[in-house]
Protein backbone atom coordinates (compact mmCIF):
# COMPACT_ATOMS: atom_id res chain seq x y z
CA MET A 1 0.00 0.00 0.00
CA LYS A 2 1.12 3.36 -0.88
CA SER A 3 0.82 6.28 1.44
CA ALA A 4 -1.17 9.29 0.39
CA THR A 5 0.49 11.93 -1.63
CA PRO A 6 1.97 14.86 0.23
CA ALA A 7 -0.68 17.20 -1.20
CA ARG A 8 -3.47 14.99 0.14
CA GLU A 9 -1.77 14.71 3.50
CA ARG A 10 -1.55 18.48 3.71
CA GLU A 11 -5.23 18.76 2.78
CA GLY A 12 -6.13 16.25 5.49
CA ILE A 13 -4.07 18.08 8.09
CA ALA A 14 -5.60 21.39 7.05
CA ALA A 15 -9.09 19.89 7.31
CA MET A 16 -8.32 18.57 10.84
CA ARG A 17 -7.03 21.98 11.89
CA LEU A 18 -10.16 23.58 10.48
CA ARG A 19 -12.36 21.15 12.44
CA LYS A 20 -10.40 21.78 15.65
CA THR A 21 -10.63 25.50 15.07
CA GLY A 22 -14.38 25.19 14.44
CA TRP A 23 -14.88 23.40 17.76
CA ILE A 24 -12.80 25.99 19.57
CA ILE A 25 -14.85 28.80 18.04
CA TRP A 26 -18.10 27.10 19.04
CA ALA A 27 -16.77 26.54 22.57
CA VAL A 28 -15.78 30.21 22.85
CA ILE A 29 -19.20 31.32 21.54
CA LEU A 30 -20.97 28.98 23.96
CA GLY A 31 -18.84 30.27 26.83
CA LEU A 32 -19.66 33.86 25.92
CA MET A 33 -23.37 33.06 25.75
CA VAL A 34 -23.27 31.41 29.18
CA TYR A 35 -21.40 34.42 30.57
CA ALA A 36 -23.94 36.80 29.01
CA CYS A 37 -26.86 34.85 30.53
CA ILE A 38 -25.28 34.82 33.98
CA SER A 39 -24.52 38.53 33.72
CA LEU A 40 -28.09 39.22 32.63
CA LEU A 41 -29.54 37.32 35.59
CA ASN A 42 -27.17 39.06 37.97
CA MET A 43 -28.11 42.47 36.56
CA ARG A 44 -31.80 41.61 36.80
CA SER A 45 -31.47 40.80 40.51
CA LYS A 46 -29.61 44.08 41.06
CA VAL A 47 -32.35 46.01 39.26
CA THR A 48 -35.02 44.30 41.37
CA ALA A 49 -33.15 45.15 44.57
CA ALA A 50 -32.70 48.76 43.42
CA ALA A 51 -36.42 49.04 42.65
CA LYS A 52 -37.26 47.75 46.12
CA THR A 53 -34.86 50.24 47.69
CA GLU A 54 -36.36 53.03 45.58
CA ALA A 55 -39.88 52.16 46.80
CA GLU A 56 -38.73 52.17 50.43
CA LEU A 57 -36.96 55.50 50.00
CA GLN A 58 -40.00 56.99 48.26
CA LYS A 59 -42.20 55.92 51.16
CA GLN A 60 -39.72 57.40 53.62
CA ALA A 61 -39.59 60.66 51.65
CA THR A 62 -43.40 60.92 51.71
CA GLN A 63 -43.45 60.40 55.48
CA LEU A 64 -40.78 63.06 55.95
CA GLN A 65 -42.69 65.51 53.75
CA GLU A 66 -45.83 64.98 55.83
CA GLU A 67 -43.87 65.47 59.03
CA ASN A 68 -42.25 68.60 57.59
CA ALA A 69 -45.66 70.02 56.65
CA ALA A 70 -46.95 69.39 60.19
CA LEU A 71 -43.90 71.09 61.69
CA GLU A 72 -44.27 74.07 59.35
CA TYR A 73 -47.91 74.40 60.39
CA ALA A 74 -46.92 74.25 64.06
CA VAL A 75 -44.27 76.95 63.59
CA GLU A 76 -46.60 79.22 61.61
CA ASN A 77 -49.43 78.87 64.13
CA GLN A 78 -47.51 78.72 67.38
CA ASN A 79 -48.99 81.97 68.68
CA ASP A 80 -52.55 81.33 67.47
CA PRO A 81 -54.86 81.13 70.53
CA ASP A 82 -56.85 78.21 69.08
CA THR A 83 -53.67 76.23 68.42
CA VAL A 84 -52.35 76.94 71.91
CA GLU A 85 -55.67 75.87 73.44
CA ASP A 86 -55.74 72.69 71.33
CA ILE A 87 -52.20 71.76 72.45
CA ALA A 88 -53.04 72.53 76.11
CA ARG A 89 -56.12 70.30 75.95
CA SER A 90 -54.71 67.37 73.93
CA ARG A 91 -51.15 67.11 75.17
CA LEU A 92 -51.27 68.57 78.66
CA GLY A 93 -54.83 67.65 79.64
CA LEU A 94 -55.66 71.21 80.76
CA VAL A 95 -59.19 72.60 80.89
CA MET A 96 -60.70 76.07 81.16
CA PRO A 97 -61.52 77.24 84.72
CA ASP A 98 -65.29 77.22 84.17
CA GLU A 99 -65.45 73.78 82.53
CA ILE A 100 -66.78 70.68 84.25
CA ILE A 101 -65.11 67.39 83.39
CA PHE A 102 -67.05 64.14 83.41
CA TYR A 103 -65.17 60.86 83.56
CA ASP A 104 -66.69 57.68 82.25
CA ALA A 105 -66.35 55.04 84.94
CA GLY A 106 -66.76 52.27 82.35
CA GLU A 107 -63.34 52.89 80.87
């Protein structure tokens, strides 16, 4: 038996190299796709966490705005006789001298 001609041997070697290179390219592409999927999932979890944090901060900002409005009202009306009387009655439990207080014994 005769061995293949050198030209055919070179063609066979070239074909093997091409096949090896093809597998390497596919492996690299597959690896990049896996990396992209993992990165996408990681980014999605970060976006979800950021959205949750944003909602919490928005709620906190709304509460602070309400508190700020109440404080502004208190500062603006601190010398108003009705406001002073309301604070004296609700917070300090004071009454006017001519008032009669009835306590409910059931409570």
